């Protein structure tokens, strides 16, 4: 018994003495352990990207319920007076904010909106081989099959002339030029494979229109996701995502979203328009770089006169901007 008590006393004394030696002589030379989550102290995860915890720390923003109701009232009013057949709106606050969707699953013809996936297809190739953008391409293809452009480009690629891929991509997006579209698609078939473009459409969640039996192919929600992928550089790398958005800020179309925001506000966007008899469609989708609260907005409309649809898109854009602005004053 006495031996056990003696052993316990010796153990306790040794522990106290050893701890004293550690604190006095060893501790100053041993680096402190790094916290598991040095940036996000309350993050419960250890192995995923710690930035995934950031939204939980962001201030919660109110839902855009009043704005949604106001937009619905406006759309219904335009339908009642015959200016509009239907419209869809998608809005997303890009600063950890709420989402607003009206008729989010309504189908529309993408028309020139498909030019953005074609741009992305080439930029993805340029990630691996930057010389792709400088390669020379002759403007050739089946131009007779192209639909007539009701909103005509100010500049267009000249049939038979040679341009760099970079120049054609600029005309494709800035001018929404159909000749550049046909030249790039023809080049894709000859140099690579048209399946590369179809794969991009699939990756982005857009149905390949050539394989659809329906006349309509895209929704505001599916198309708006393309701009989120570019904004977060989660499909293309950062330099190529920025290049795409830079081109989109240079779009010549001024009669949609841009007309609803203050002059000088940067907007990276793409429009699309289609006339099929009495059915006419006009769409405009993009990112409004309002400081300090950038947001994504996509508006798709169907009616009987594109010139009547333009001010409807402008008014919706203006209503959304005013609401976002009011929350930051």
Protein backbone atom coordinates (compact mmCIF):
# COMPACT_ATOMS: atom_id res chain seq x y z
CA UNK A 1 0.00 0.00 0.00
CA UNK A 2 2.76 2.40 0.99
CA UNK A 3 4.51 1.65 -2.30
CA UNK A 4 1.44 2.67 -4.32
CA UNK A 5 1.03 5.96 -2.42
CA UNK A 6 4.74 6.70 -2.88
CA UNK A 7 4.48 6.07 -6.64
CA UNK A 8 1.49 8.43 -6.98
CA UNK A 9 3.29 11.20 -5.08
CA UNK A 10 6.39 10.81 -7.27
CA UNK A 11 4.20 10.93 -10.44
CA UNK A 12 2.40 14.13 -9.38
CA UNK A 13 5.62 15.84 -8.39
CA UNK A 14 7.24 14.87 -11.68
CA UNK A 15 4.32 16.24 -13.65
CA UNK A 16 4.42 19.59 -11.86
CA UNK A 17 8.20 19.85 -12.17
CA UNK A 18 8.13 18.83 -15.86
CA UNK A 19 5.42 21.36 -16.65
CA UNK A 20 7.45 24.08 -14.94
CA UNK A 21 10.54 23.17 -16.99
CA UNK A 22 8.47 23.20 -20.22
CA UNK A 23 7.00 26.63 -19.55
CA UNK A 24 10.38 28.10 -18.54
CA UNK A 25 12.75 26.56 -21.10
CA UNK A 26 10.93 24.85 -23.98
CA UNK A 27 7.67 26.70 -24.64
CA UNK A 28 9.29 29.88 -26.02
CA UNK A 29 10.95 27.86 -28.80
CA UNK A 30 8.01 25.72 -29.88
CA UNK A 31 5.58 27.44 -32.32
CA UNK A 32 1.96 27.58 -31.30
CA UNK A 33 -0.41 25.23 -33.08
CA UNK A 34 -2.25 26.78 -36.02
CA UNK A 35 -6.03 26.92 -35.52
CA UNK A 36 -7.99 24.62 -37.82
CA UNK A 37 -9.97 27.56 -39.23
CA UNK A 38 -7.80 30.66 -38.87
CA UNK A 39 -10.03 32.81 -41.09
CA UNK A 40 -13.49 31.60 -40.19
CA UNK A 41 -13.47 30.80 -36.48
CA UNK A 42 -17.02 29.47 -36.44
CA UNK A 43 -16.70 27.34 -39.54
CA UNK A 44 -17.74 23.76 -38.67
CA UNK A 45 -15.91 22.22 -41.64
CA UNK A 46 -12.28 21.17 -41.84
CA UNK A 47 -11.57 19.95 -45.36
CA UNK A 48 -13.77 21.87 -47.78
CA UNK A 49 -12.99 25.38 -49.02
CA UNK A 50 -13.29 27.61 -45.95
CA UNK A 51 -14.82 30.35 -48.09
CA UNK A 52 -17.96 28.22 -48.15
CA UNK A 53 -18.55 29.44 -44.60
CA UNK A 54 -18.52 33.09 -45.62
CA UNK A 55 -22.19 33.40 -46.66
CA UNK A 56 -23.24 32.35 -43.16
CA UNK A 57 -21.47 35.42 -41.80
CA UNK A 58 -22.93 37.80 -44.38
CA UNK A 59 -25.80 40.03 -43.26
CA UNK A 60 -29.17 38.58 -44.17
CA UNK A 61 -31.05 40.59 -46.80
CA UNK A 62 -34.79 40.94 -47.02
CA UNK A 63 -36.61 39.05 -49.73
CA UNK A 64 -37.77 41.10 -52.72
CA UNK A 65 -41.43 40.28 -52.15
CA UNK A 66 -42.79 43.78 -52.79
CA UNK A 67 -40.68 44.15 -55.94
CA UNK A 68 -41.90 40.78 -57.22
CA UNK A 69 -45.53 41.75 -56.67
CA UNK A 70 -45.00 45.11 -58.39
CA UNK A 71 -43.36 43.44 -61.40
CA UNK A 72 -46.18 40.90 -61.61
CA UNK A 73 -48.75 43.71 -61.58
CA UNK A 74 -46.85 45.54 -64.33
CA UNK A 75 -46.55 42.40 -66.50
CA UNK A 76 -50.24 41.59 -66.09
CA UNK A 77 -51.13 45.18 -66.97
CA UNK A 78 -49.09 44.96 -70.19
CA UNK A 79 -50.75 41.65 -71.04
CA UNK A 80 -54.20 43.12 -70.51
CA UNK A 81 -53.57 46.08 -72.82
CA UNK A 82 -52.21 43.78 -75.54
CA UNK A 83 -48.58 44.94 -75.45
CA UNK A 84 -47.34 41.62 -74.14
CA UNK A 85 -48.20 37.94 -74.48
CA UNK A 86 -45.96 36.77 -71.67
CA UNK A 87 -42.77 37.72 -69.85
CA UNK A 88 -40.27 36.07 -67.50
CA UNK A 89 -37.92 37.78 -65.07
CA UNK A 90 -35.01 36.41 -63.07
CA UNK A 91 -33.12 38.55 -60.57
CA UNK A 92 -30.26 37.62 -58.26
CA UNK A 93 -28.45 39.85 -55.81
CA UNK A 94 -24.80 38.87 -56.34
CA UNK A 95 -23.78 40.07 -52.87
CA UNK A 96 -25.18 37.06 -50.98
CA UNK A 97 -28.69 38.28 -51.59
CA UNK A 98 -32.07 36.72 -52.39
CA UNK A 99 -33.38 35.49 -55.74
CA UNK A 100 -36.52 36.67 -57.50
CA UNK A 101 -38.14 34.64 -60.27
CA UNK A 102 -41.31 35.27 -62.28
CA UNK A 103 -42.45 32.61 -64.76
CA UNK A 104 -39.00 31.09 -64.37
CA UNK A 105 -39.85 27.90 -66.28
CA UNK A 106 -41.47 29.60 -69.30
CA UNK A 107 -39.80 28.56 -72.58
CA UNK A 108 -38.48 31.05 -75.14
CA UNK A 109 -36.46 30.92 -78.36
CA UNK A 110 -32.85 31.79 -77.48
CA UNK A 111 -32.02 33.35 -80.87
CA UNK A 112 -28.83 35.42 -80.53
CA UNK A 113 -28.47 34.49 -76.85
CA UNK A 114 -26.75 31.34 -78.17
CA UNK A 115 -23.82 33.49 -79.24
CA UNK A 116 -22.56 33.56 -75.65
CA UNK A 117 -22.15 29.74 -75.45
CA UNK A 118 -20.28 29.89 -78.78
CA UNK A 119 -17.97 32.56 -77.32
CA UNK A 120 -17.42 30.35 -74.27
CA UNK A 121 -16.60 27.35 -76.49
CA UNK A 122 -13.73 29.25 -78.15
CA UNK A 123 -12.47 30.81 -74.92
CA UNK A 124 -12.32 27.38 -73.33
CA UNK A 125 -10.03 26.25 -76.13
CA UNK A 126 -7.94 29.38 -75.67
CA UNK A 127 -7.34 28.44 -72.04
CA UNK A 128 -5.16 25.56 -73.24
CA UNK A 129 -3.83 27.27 -76.35
CA UNK A 130 -3.91 31.11 -76.39
CA UNK A 131 -2.85 31.12 -80.05
CA UNK A 132 -6.41 30.01 -80.90
CA UNK A 133 -7.54 33.62 -80.61
CA UNK A 134 -4.99 34.86 -83.15
CA UNK A 135 -5.68 32.14 -85.71
CA UNK A 136 -6.97 33.50 -89.04
CA UNK A 137 -10.41 32.46 -90.26
CA UNK A 138 -12.01 33.10 -93.64
CA UNK A 139 -15.63 34.21 -93.44
CA UNK A 140 -17.45 31.44 -95.25
CA UNK A 141 -20.48 29.25 -94.65
CA UNK A 142 -24.16 28.84 -95.43
CA UNK A 143 -25.22 32.48 -95.05
CA UNK A 144 -28.47 31.97 -96.96
CA UNK A 145 -29.80 29.92 -94.06
CA UNK A 146 -29.27 32.68 -91.49
CA UNK A 147 -32.40 34.33 -90.10
CA UNK A 148 -32.92 37.99 -90.90
CA UNK A 149 -31.74 40.29 -88.13
CA UNK A 150 -34.42 42.78 -87.17
CA UNK A 151 -32.00 44.63 -84.90
CA UNK A 152 -29.17 44.96 -87.40
CA UNK A 153 -25.48 45.19 -86.44
CA UNK A 154 -23.63 48.41 -87.16
CA UNK A 155 -20.60 46.39 -88.24
CA UNK A 156 -20.53 42.93 -89.77
CA UNK A 157 -17.87 40.48 -90.96
CA UNK A 158 -17.47 40.68 -94.73
CA UNK A 159 -18.08 37.40 -96.54
CA UNK A 160 -14.87 36.14 -98.15
CA UNK A 161 -12.59 38.29 -95.97
CA UNK A 162 -10.19 36.92 -93.34
CA UNK A 163 -10.29 37.82 -89.63
CA UNK A 164 -8.68 36.56 -86.46
CA UNK A 165 -10.84 34.49 -84.12
CA UNK A 166 -10.51 37.35 -81.64
CA UNK A 167 -11.97 39.82 -84.13
CA UNK A 168 -14.85 37.51 -85.01
CA UNK A 169 -15.66 36.92 -81.34
CA UNK A 170 -15.77 40.68 -80.81
CA UNK A 171 -18.19 41.16 -83.73
CA UNK A 172 -20.21 38.19 -82.52
CA UNK A 173 -20.84 39.68 -79.07
CA UNK A 174 -20.50 43.45 -79.43
CA UNK A 175 -22.45 43.68 -82.70
CA UNK A 176 -24.40 40.40 -82.42
CA UNK A 177 -23.25 39.75 -85.98
CA UNK A 178 -24.75 36.70 -87.71
CA UNK A 179 -21.97 36.52 -90.32
CA UNK A 180 -19.43 36.07 -87.52
CA UNK A 181 -21.68 33.40 -85.99
CA UNK A 182 -21.73 31.41 -89.24
CA UNK A 183 -17.99 31.90 -89.84
CA UNK A 184 -17.09 30.67 -86.34
CA UNK A 185 -19.44 27.68 -86.51
CA UNK A 186 -18.03 26.74 -89.90
CA UNK A 187 -14.49 27.06 -88.50
CA UNK A 188 -15.44 24.94 -85.49
CA UNK A 189 -16.71 22.15 -87.75
CA UNK A 190 -13.56 22.25 -89.92
CA UNK A 191 -10.88 22.76 -87.27
CA UNK A 192 -12.37 20.99 -84.25
CA UNK A 193 -15.87 19.55 -84.00
CA UNK A 194 -19.34 21.02 -83.77
CA UNK A 195 -19.83 18.62 -80.87
CA UNK A 196 -17.63 21.00 -78.84
CA UNK A 197 -20.36 23.63 -79.10
CA UNK A 198 -23.08 21.10 -78.31
CA UNK A 199 -21.08 19.98 -75.26
CA UNK A 200 -20.93 23.59 -74.05
CA UNK A 201 -24.70 23.93 -74.42
CA UNK A 202 -25.10 20.73 -72.44
CA UNK A 203 -22.64 21.83 -69.73
CA UNK A 204 -24.45 25.15 -69.36
CA UNK A 205 -27.83 23.47 -69.08
CA UNK A 206 -29.18 24.75 -72.40
CA UNK A 207 -30.99 22.28 -74.65
CA UNK A 208 -29.45 21.85 -78.10
CA UNK A 209 -32.13 23.52 -80.29
CA UNK A 210 -31.36 21.28 -83.25
CA UNK A 211 -32.40 18.24 -81.22
CA UNK A 212 -35.59 19.71 -79.80
CA UNK A 213 -39.01 19.03 -81.31
CA UNK A 214 -40.43 22.10 -79.61
CA UNK A 215 -40.04 25.61 -81.01
CA UNK A 216 -38.82 27.06 -77.70
CA UNK A 217 -35.63 26.11 -75.95
CA UNK A 218 -34.51 28.25 -73.01
CA UNK A 219 -35.77 29.77 -69.74
CA UNK A 220 -34.64 32.86 -67.82
CA UNK A 221 -33.32 30.68 -65.01
CA UNK A 222 -31.24 28.37 -67.20
CA UNK A 223 -29.79 31.25 -69.22
CA UNK A 224 -29.07 33.47 -66.22
CA UNK A 225 -26.90 30.70 -64.79
CA UNK A 226 -24.36 31.35 -67.58
CA UNK A 227 -23.67 34.82 -66.18
CA UNK A 228 -23.23 33.41 -62.67
CA UNK A 229 -20.67 30.94 -64.02
CA UNK A 230 -18.78 33.79 -65.70
CA UNK A 231 -19.03 36.08 -62.66
CA UNK A 232 -17.66 33.37 -60.37
CA UNK A 233 -15.19 32.12 -63.04
CA UNK A 234 -16.37 28.59 -62.30
CA UNK A 235 -16.59 27.32 -65.90
CA UNK A 236 -13.84 29.30 -67.61
CA UNK A 237 -10.73 30.37 -65.71
CA UNK A 238 -10.52 33.90 -64.32
CA UNK A 239 -8.75 35.56 -67.32
CA UNK A 240 -11.15 34.04 -69.86
CA UNK A 241 -14.23 34.73 -67.74
CA UNK A 242 -13.13 38.35 -67.47
CA UNK A 243 -12.52 38.53 -71.21
CA UNK A 244 -16.03 37.24 -71.90
CA UNK A 245 -17.63 39.72 -69.51
CA UNK A 246 -15.52 42.56 -70.93
CA UNK A 247 -16.87 41.86 -74.42
CA UNK A 248 -20.41 41.67 -73.03
CA UNK A 249 -20.03 45.15 -71.45
CA UNK A 250 -19.32 46.49 -74.95
CA UNK A 251 -22.62 45.31 -76.48
CA UNK A 252 -24.11 47.89 -78.85
CA UNK A 253 -27.69 47.11 -77.83
CA UNK A 254 -28.88 50.04 -75.73
CA UNK A 255 -32.67 49.57 -75.78
CA UNK A 256 -33.06 46.97 -73.04
CA UNK A 257 -31.59 46.61 -69.56
CA UNK A 258 -29.10 49.48 -70.06
CA UNK A 259 -31.89 51.98 -70.72
CA UNK A 260 -33.31 51.24 -67.26
CA UNK A 261 -30.16 52.07 -65.26
CA UNK A 262 -28.28 55.37 -64.84
CA UNK A 263 -25.99 56.46 -67.65
CA UNK A 264 -22.46 55.17 -67.17
CA UNK A 265 -23.47 52.05 -65.21
CA UNK A 266 -21.53 49.08 -66.58
CA UNK A 267 -23.73 46.23 -67.80
CA UNK A 268 -22.38 42.94 -69.20
CA UNK A 269 -25.30 41.63 -71.22
CA UNK A 270 -26.58 39.90 -74.34
CA UNK A 271 -29.87 40.38 -76.15
CA UNK A 272 -31.76 38.06 -78.44
CA UNK A 273 -34.68 38.72 -80.79
CA UNK A 274 -36.91 36.60 -82.98
CA UNK A 275 -39.75 37.23 -85.42
CA UNK A 276 -41.90 34.32 -86.51
CA UNK A 277 -45.01 35.77 -88.08
CA UNK A 278 -47.14 37.38 -85.40
CA UNK A 279 -45.02 35.85 -82.62
CA UNK A 280 -42.16 38.18 -81.75
CA UNK A 281 -39.70 37.82 -78.89
CA UNK A 282 -37.10 40.08 -77.31
CA UNK A 283 -34.78 39.16 -74.46
CA UNK A 284 -31.96 40.84 -72.55
CA UNK A 285 -29.89 39.19 -69.83
CA UNK A 286 -26.77 40.22 -67.94
CA UNK A 287 -25.02 41.64 -64.90
CA UNK A 288 -25.56 45.22 -63.72
CA UNK A 289 -22.36 46.40 -62.00
CA UNK A 290 -24.03 48.74 -59.57
CA UNK A 291 -21.73 49.73 -56.68
CA UNK A 292 -21.91 48.45 -53.98
CA UNK A 293 -24.47 45.80 -54.97
CA UNK A 294 -24.03 44.17 -58.40
CA UNK A 295 -26.91 42.02 -59.55
CA UNK A 296 -27.92 39.61 -62.28
CA UNK A 297 -31.08 40.23 -64.27
CA UNK A 298 -32.62 38.30 -67.14
CA UNK A 299 -35.81 39.43 -68.90
CA UNK A 300 -37.51 37.46 -71.68
CA UNK A 301 -40.62 38.72 -73.46
CA UNK A 302 -43.07 37.58 -76.11
CA UNK A 303 -45.58 39.75 -77.94
CA UNK A 304 -46.51 41.02 -81.39
CA UNK A 305 -44.11 43.93 -81.90
CA UNK A 306 -40.45 44.09 -80.82
CA UNK A 307 -40.57 47.88 -80.69
CA UNK A 308 -43.30 47.58 -78.03
CA UNK A 309 -41.35 44.94 -76.08
CA UNK A 310 -38.28 47.19 -75.76
CA UNK A 311 -39.85 49.74 -73.36
CA UNK A 312 -41.32 46.89 -71.30
CA UNK A 313 -37.84 45.47 -70.69
CA UNK A 314 -36.58 48.98 -69.94
CA UNK A 315 -39.32 49.57 -67.35
CA UNK A 316 -38.70 46.23 -65.61
CA UNK A 317 -34.97 47.01 -65.53
CA UNK A 318 -35.65 50.46 -64.08
CA UNK A 319 -37.97 49.09 -61.37
CA UNK A 320 -35.37 46.54 -60.31
CA UNK A 321 -32.57 49.11 -60.22
CA UNK A 322 -34.60 51.53 -58.12
CA UNK A 323 -35.32 48.80 -55.58
CA UNK A 324 -31.67 47.76 -55.33
CA UNK A 325 -30.59 51.39 -55.07
CA UNK A 326 -33.12 52.14 -52.34
CA UNK A 327 -31.65 49.36 -50.19
CA UNK A 328 -28.19 50.91 -50.36
CA UNK A 329 -29.03 54.48 -49.41
